[in-house]
Amino acid sequence: MLGFAAVAVTPAPAPAAKPSMMQDVKKDVEHADRDIKNTLDPDRVRHYTGEVKSVDATSHMLILSRPNGKTRSFPLPADVKVLKGKTAAALSDVAAGSKVRVSYRMEKEKATVSQLELK
């Protein structure tokens, strides 16, 4: 004769939320708020570093690439400041393959470049 024993199975209580999880959520919200503010702030100077893929002094256009393969185009104003170290340089000194750091501001969803730094 077989007997069955009644076994009560109760689910394990859900783990309580860790304080660090709440802190992570709070940080994410703070970062999102900061990113929105920075996106809307036309006075904020942004930077982009990459390798020059091409530069056209006639059409005032600079195309940079990054090691991950992404490219970005920047329209260049006629009065863009070009530096090599701390020394003034010319746009003609910027060539394909050069490493540069672009300083720009976003104005009406367009990048306005103020400075190119040759690395």
N, C-alpha and C. Protein backbone atom coordinates (compact mmCIF):
# COMPACT_ATOMS: atom_id res chain seq x y z
N MET A 1 0.83 -1.16 0.00
CA MET A 1 0.00 0.00 0.00
C MET A 1 0.89 1.23 0.00
N LEU A 2 0.53 2.11 -0.86
CA LEU A 2 1.29 3.35 -1.00
C LEU A 2 0.59 4.46 -0.24
N GLY A 3 1.37 5.24 0.42
CA GLY A 3 0.80 6.35 1.16
C GLY A 3 1.30 7.67 0.60
N PHE A 4 0.49 8.62 0.63
CA PHE A 4 0.87 9.96 0.16
C PHE A 4 0.95 10.90 1.34
N ALA A 5 2.01 11.64 1.35
CA ALA A 5 2.16 12.63 2.41
C ALA A 5 1.83 13.99 1.82
N ALA A 6 1.11 14.74 2.53
CA ALA A 6 0.77 16.08 2.07
C ALA A 6 1.94 17.01 2.39
N VAL A 7 2.40 17.66 1.36
CA VAL A 7 3.51 18.60 1.54
C VAL A 7 3.02 19.96 1.10
N ALA A 8 3.14 20.90 1.95
CA ALA A 8 2.73 22.27 1.61
C ALA A 8 3.90 22.98 0.95
N VAL A 9 3.66 23.49 -0.23
CA VAL A 9 4.70 24.23 -0.95
C VAL A 9 4.30 25.69 -0.95
N THR A 10 5.13 26.48 -0.36
CA THR A 10 4.86 27.92 -0.35
C THR A 10 5.94 28.61 -1.17
N PRO A 11 5.53 29.51 -2.02
CA PRO A 11 6.53 30.20 -2.84
C PRO A 11 7.43 31.07 -1.96
N ALA A 12 8.65 31.18 -2.39
CA ALA A 12 9.61 32.02 -1.66
C ALA A 12 9.18 33.47 -1.80
N PRO A 13 9.34 34.24 -0.76
CA PRO A 13 8.97 35.65 -0.86
C PRO A 13 9.87 36.37 -1.87
N ALA A 14 9.29 37.32 -2.55
CA ALA A 14 10.07 38.10 -3.52
C ALA A 14 11.13 38.89 -2.77
N PRO A 15 12.32 38.97 -3.37
CA PRO A 15 13.37 39.74 -2.69
C PRO A 15 13.00 41.22 -2.63
N ALA A 16 13.32 41.82 -1.54
CA ALA A 16 13.04 43.25 -1.37
C ALA A 16 13.95 44.05 -2.29
N ALA A 17 13.43 45.16 -2.77
CA ALA A 17 14.24 46.02 -3.65
C ALA A 17 15.43 46.54 -2.86
N LYS A 18 16.58 46.41 -3.47
CA LYS A 18 17.79 46.88 -2.81
C LYS A 18 17.87 48.39 -2.91
N PRO A 19 18.39 49.03 -1.89
CA PRO A 19 18.54 50.49 -1.97
C PRO A 19 19.38 50.91 -3.18
N SER A 20 20.37 50.08 -3.54
CA SER A 20 21.22 50.45 -4.67
C SER A 20 20.42 50.48 -5.98
N MET A 21 19.40 49.63 -6.10
CA MET A 21 18.57 49.63 -7.30
C MET A 21 17.83 50.96 -7.42
N MET A 22 17.31 51.43 -6.31
CA MET A 22 16.60 52.72 -6.32
C MET A 22 17.56 53.86 -6.62
N GLN A 23 18.77 53.76 -6.11
CA GLN A 23 19.77 54.79 -6.39
C GLN A 23 20.12 54.80 -7.87
N ASP A 24 20.20 53.60 -8.49
CA ASP A 24 20.49 53.52 -9.92
C ASP A 24 19.39 54.19 -10.73
N VAL A 25 18.13 53.93 -10.35
CA VAL A 25 17.00 54.55 -11.05
C VAL A 25 17.07 56.07 -10.92
N LYS A 26 17.37 56.53 -9.71
CA LYS A 26 17.46 57.98 -9.48
C LYS A 26 18.58 58.58 -10.33
N LYS A 27 19.73 57.90 -10.43
CA LYS A 27 20.83 58.39 -11.25
C LYS A 27 20.43 58.46 -12.72
N ASP A 28 19.71 57.41 -13.20
CA ASP A 28 19.26 57.40 -14.59
C ASP A 28 18.36 58.60 -14.88
N VAL A 29 17.46 58.90 -13.96
CA VAL A 29 16.56 60.05 -14.13
C VAL A 29 17.36 61.35 -14.14
N GLU A 30 18.32 61.47 -13.23
CA GLU A 30 19.16 62.68 -13.19
C GLU A 30 19.95 62.84 -14.48
N HIS A 31 20.51 61.74 -15.00
CA HIS A 31 21.27 61.81 -16.25
C HIS A 31 20.36 62.19 -17.42
N ALA A 32 19.15 61.64 -17.44
CA ALA A 32 18.21 61.98 -18.51
C ALA A 32 17.86 63.46 -18.45
N ASP A 33 17.61 63.97 -17.24
CA ASP A 33 17.32 65.40 -17.09
C ASP A 33 18.49 66.25 -17.57
N ARG A 34 19.71 65.85 -17.21
CA ARG A 34 20.91 66.59 -17.62
C ARG A 34 21.06 66.54 -19.15
N ASP A 35 20.84 65.36 -19.74
CA ASP A 35 20.97 65.24 -21.19
C ASP A 35 19.96 66.11 -21.92
N ILE A 36 18.74 66.17 -21.41
CA ILE A 36 17.72 67.03 -22.03
C ILE A 36 18.14 68.48 -21.92
N LYS A 37 18.60 68.89 -20.77
CA LYS A 37 19.05 70.28 -20.57
C LYS A 37 20.21 70.59 -21.51
N ASN A 38 21.19 69.67 -21.61
CA ASN A 38 22.34 69.91 -22.47
C ASN A 38 21.95 69.95 -23.94
N THR A 39 20.96 69.16 -24.32
CA THR A 39 20.50 69.17 -25.70
C THR A 39 19.87 70.51 -26.04
N LEU A 40 19.19 71.10 -25.09
CA LEU A 40 18.49 72.35 -25.34
C LEU A 40 19.37 73.58 -25.12
N ASP A 41 20.56 73.41 -24.57
CA ASP A 41 21.43 74.52 -24.22
C ASP A 41 22.35 74.88 -25.39
N PRO A 42 22.05 75.95 -26.14
CA PRO A 42 22.88 76.31 -27.29
C PRO A 42 24.24 76.87 -26.90
N ASP A 43 24.41 77.25 -25.64
CA ASP A 43 25.69 77.80 -25.20
C ASP A 43 26.69 76.73 -24.77
N ARG A 44 26.23 75.51 -24.68
CA ARG A 44 27.11 74.42 -24.25
C ARG A 44 28.06 74.03 -25.38
N VAL A 45 29.35 74.04 -25.09
CA VAL A 45 30.35 73.63 -26.07
C VAL A 45 30.48 72.11 -26.01
N ARG A 46 30.38 71.50 -27.17
CA ARG A 46 30.52 70.05 -27.29
C ARG A 46 31.83 69.75 -28.01
N HIS A 47 32.28 68.50 -27.88
CA HIS A 47 33.53 68.11 -28.53
C HIS A 47 33.34 66.78 -29.25
N TYR A 48 34.05 66.63 -30.34
CA TYR A 48 34.03 65.38 -31.10
C TYR A 48 35.45 65.14 -31.59
N THR A 49 36.00 63.99 -31.27
CA THR A 49 37.36 63.66 -31.68
C THR A 49 37.31 62.52 -32.68
N GLY A 50 38.09 62.63 -33.73
CA GLY A 50 38.14 61.58 -34.72
C GLY A 50 39.26 61.80 -35.71
N GLU A 51 39.29 60.94 -36.71
CA GLU A 51 40.28 61.03 -37.77
C GLU A 51 39.62 61.67 -38.99
N VAL A 52 40.34 62.59 -39.61
CA VAL A 52 39.79 63.29 -40.77
C VAL A 52 39.67 62.29 -41.92
N LYS A 53 38.46 62.14 -42.40
CA LYS A 53 38.22 61.31 -43.57
C LYS A 53 38.37 62.18 -44.81
N SER A 54 37.83 63.40 -44.72
CA SER A 54 38.01 64.37 -45.81
C SER A 54 37.74 65.77 -45.29
N VAL A 55 38.39 66.72 -45.93
CA VAL A 55 38.16 68.13 -45.62
C VAL A 55 38.13 68.88 -46.95
N ASP A 56 37.12 69.70 -47.12
CA ASP A 56 36.97 70.47 -48.35
C ASP A 56 36.90 71.94 -47.98
N ALA A 57 38.00 72.66 -48.26
CA ALA A 57 38.08 74.08 -47.91
C ALA A 57 37.13 74.91 -48.77
N THR A 58 36.83 74.46 -49.97
CA THR A 58 35.94 75.21 -50.87
C THR A 58 34.50 75.17 -50.37
N SER A 59 34.03 73.97 -50.04
CA SER A 59 32.64 73.84 -49.57
C SER A 59 32.56 73.95 -48.04
N HIS A 60 33.70 74.12 -47.39
CA HIS A 60 33.76 74.26 -45.93
C HIS A 60 33.09 73.08 -45.22
N MET A 61 33.52 71.87 -45.57
CA MET A 61 32.94 70.66 -44.97
C MET A 61 34.06 69.75 -44.47
N LEU A 62 33.87 69.24 -43.26
CA LEU A 62 34.82 68.32 -42.63
C LEU A 62 34.08 67.03 -42.30
N ILE A 63 34.67 65.90 -42.66
CA ILE A 63 34.08 64.60 -42.33
C ILE A 63 35.08 63.83 -41.49
N LEU A 64 34.64 63.43 -40.29
CA LEU A 64 35.49 62.68 -39.37
C LEU A 64 34.97 61.26 -39.23
N SER A 65 35.90 60.34 -38.96
CA SER A 65 35.50 58.96 -38.68
C SER A 65 36.09 58.54 -37.35
N ARG A 66 35.44 57.59 -36.73
CA ARG A 66 35.89 57.04 -35.45
C ARG A 66 36.29 55.59 -35.66
N PRO A 67 37.06 55.02 -34.73
CA PRO A 67 37.48 53.62 -34.86
C PRO A 67 36.31 52.64 -34.99
N ASN A 68 35.15 52.99 -34.44
CA ASN A 68 33.99 52.09 -34.53
C ASN A 68 33.30 52.17 -35.89
N GLY A 69 33.83 53.00 -36.80
CA GLY A 69 33.28 53.11 -38.14
C GLY A 69 32.28 54.23 -38.34
N LYS A 70 31.84 54.86 -37.27
CA LYS A 70 30.87 55.95 -37.40
C LYS A 70 31.56 57.18 -37.99
N THR A 71 30.82 57.89 -38.83
CA THR A 71 31.34 59.14 -39.40
C THR A 71 30.40 60.27 -39.03
N ARG A 72 30.96 61.47 -39.04
CA ARG A 72 30.15 62.66 -38.74
C ARG A 72 30.66 63.80 -39.60
N SER A 73 29.75 64.56 -40.17
CA SER A 73 30.08 65.71 -41.00
C SER A 73 29.88 66.99 -40.21
N PHE A 74 30.78 67.94 -40.42
CA PHE A 74 30.69 69.24 -39.78
C PHE A 74 30.84 70.33 -40.83
N PRO A 75 29.87 71.23 -40.96
CA PRO A 75 30.08 72.40 -41.81
C PRO A 75 31.03 73.34 -41.07
N LEU A 76 31.99 73.89 -41.78
CA LEU A 76 32.98 74.77 -41.17
C LEU A 76 32.73 76.21 -41.56
N PRO A 77 32.68 77.11 -40.59
CA PRO A 77 32.55 78.53 -40.93
C PRO A 77 33.88 79.03 -41.52
N ALA A 78 33.81 80.09 -42.29
CA ALA A 78 35.02 80.63 -42.91
C ALA A 78 36.04 81.08 -41.87
N ASP A 79 35.57 81.47 -40.70
CA ASP A 79 36.48 81.98 -39.67
C ASP A 79 36.82 80.94 -38.60
N VAL A 80 36.73 79.64 -38.92
CA VAL A 80 37.01 78.60 -37.93
C VAL A 80 38.45 78.72 -37.44
N LYS A 81 38.62 78.59 -36.14
CA LYS A 81 39.95 78.68 -35.52
C LYS A 81 40.59 77.29 -35.59
N VAL A 82 41.81 77.22 -36.14
CA VAL A 82 42.53 75.95 -36.25
C VAL A 82 43.80 76.05 -35.41
N LEU A 83 44.01 75.07 -34.55
CA LEU A 83 45.20 75.05 -33.69
C LEU A 83 45.97 73.75 -33.88
N LYS A 84 47.29 73.86 -33.80
CA LYS A 84 48.16 72.69 -33.76
C LYS A 84 48.92 72.83 -32.45
N GLY A 85 48.47 72.10 -31.43
CA GLY A 85 48.98 72.34 -30.08
C GLY A 85 48.40 73.66 -29.61
N LYS A 86 49.28 74.59 -29.24
CA LYS A 86 48.81 75.93 -28.84
C LYS A 86 49.11 76.96 -29.92
N THR A 87 49.63 76.49 -31.06
CA THR A 87 50.00 77.38 -32.15
C THR A 87 48.87 77.47 -33.17
N ALA A 88 48.63 78.67 -33.67
CA ALA A 88 47.61 78.86 -34.71
C ALA A 88 48.04 78.13 -35.98
N ALA A 89 47.09 77.53 -36.65
CA ALA A 89 47.34 76.82 -37.90
C ALA A 89 46.26 77.24 -38.89
N ALA A 90 46.33 76.69 -40.08
CA ALA A 90 45.36 77.02 -41.13
C ALA A 90 44.55 75.78 -41.48
N LEU A 91 43.41 75.98 -42.08
CA LEU A 91 42.57 74.87 -42.51
C LEU A 91 43.32 73.99 -43.50
N SER A 92 44.24 74.59 -44.26
CA SER A 92 45.04 73.82 -45.22
C SER A 92 45.98 72.83 -44.52
N ASP A 93 46.22 73.01 -43.21
CA ASP A 93 47.04 72.07 -42.44
C ASP A 93 46.27 70.81 -42.05
N VAL A 94 44.97 70.85 -42.19
CA VAL A 94 44.13 69.70 -41.85
C VAL A 94 44.02 68.83 -43.10
N ALA A 95 44.46 67.57 -42.97
CA ALA A 95 44.46 66.66 -44.12
C ALA A 95 43.84 65.32 -43.72
N ALA A 96 43.45 64.55 -44.72
CA ALA A 96 42.91 63.21 -44.46
C ALA A 96 43.93 62.42 -43.64
N GLY A 97 43.44 61.74 -42.62
CA GLY A 97 44.30 60.97 -41.75
C GLY A 97 44.72 61.70 -40.48
N SER A 98 44.53 63.03 -40.46
CA SER A 98 44.87 63.81 -39.26
C SER A 98 43.89 63.48 -38.14
N LYS A 99 44.39 63.49 -36.93
CA LYS A 99 43.52 63.34 -35.75
C LYS A 99 43.17 64.74 -35.28
N VAL A 100 41.87 64.99 -35.10
CA VAL A 100 41.42 66.32 -34.69
C VAL A 100 40.37 66.22 -33.60
N ARG A 101 40.25 67.31 -32.86
CA ARG A 101 39.18 67.48 -31.88
C ARG A 101 38.40 68.71 -32.30
N VAL A 102 37.12 68.53 -32.54
CA VAL A 102 36.24 69.61 -32.97
C VAL A 102 35.49 70.15 -31.76
N SER A 103 35.48 71.46 -31.60
CA SER A 103 34.66 72.12 -30.57
C SER A 103 33.51 72.80 -31.31
N TYR A 104 32.29 72.54 -30.86
CA TYR A 104 31.13 73.10 -31.56
C TYR A 104 29.98 73.32 -30.60
N ARG A 105 29.00 74.08 -31.07
CA ARG A 105 27.75 74.31 -30.35
C ARG A 105 26.61 73.88 -31.28
N MET A 106 25.52 73.44 -30.67
CA MET A 106 24.34 73.10 -31.45
C MET A 106 23.42 74.31 -31.48
N GLU A 107 23.14 74.79 -32.67
CA GLU A 107 22.24 75.93 -32.83
C GLU A 107 21.17 75.53 -33.84
N LYS A 108 19.95 75.46 -33.37
CA LYS A 108 18.82 75.07 -34.21
C LYS A 108 19.10 73.74 -34.91
N GLU A 109 19.56 72.77 -34.12
CA GLU A 109 19.84 71.41 -34.58
C GLU A 109 20.98 71.31 -35.58
N LYS A 110 21.81 72.34 -35.69
CA LYS A 110 22.97 72.31 -36.57
C LYS A 110 24.22 72.60 -35.75
N ALA A 111 25.29 71.88 -36.07
CA ALA A 111 26.55 72.09 -35.37
C ALA A 111 27.25 73.32 -35.94
N THR A 112 27.64 74.23 -35.06
CA THR A 112 28.42 75.40 -35.45
C THR A 112 29.81 75.22 -34.84
N VAL A 113 30.79 74.94 -35.70
CA VAL A 113 32.16 74.66 -35.24
C VAL A 113 32.86 75.97 -34.92
N SER A 114 33.50 76.01 -33.76
CA SER A 114 34.26 77.19 -33.37
C SER A 114 35.75 76.94 -33.45
N GLN A 115 36.17 75.67 -33.30
CA GLN A 115 37.61 75.40 -33.26
C GLN A 115 37.93 73.97 -33.67
N LEU A 116 39.06 73.81 -34.37
CA LEU A 116 39.62 72.50 -34.69
C LEU A 116 40.98 72.42 -34.04
N GLU A 117 41.24 71.35 -33.32
CA GLU A 117 42.56 71.15 -32.70
C GLU A 117 43.21 69.94 -33.35
N LEU A 118 44.33 70.14 -34.01
CA LEU A 118 45.08 69.03 -34.59
C LEU A 118 45.82 68.32 -33.47
N LYS A 119 45.71 67.02 -33.42
CA LYS A 119 46.37 66.22 -32.37
C LYS A 119 47.73 65.78 -32.83
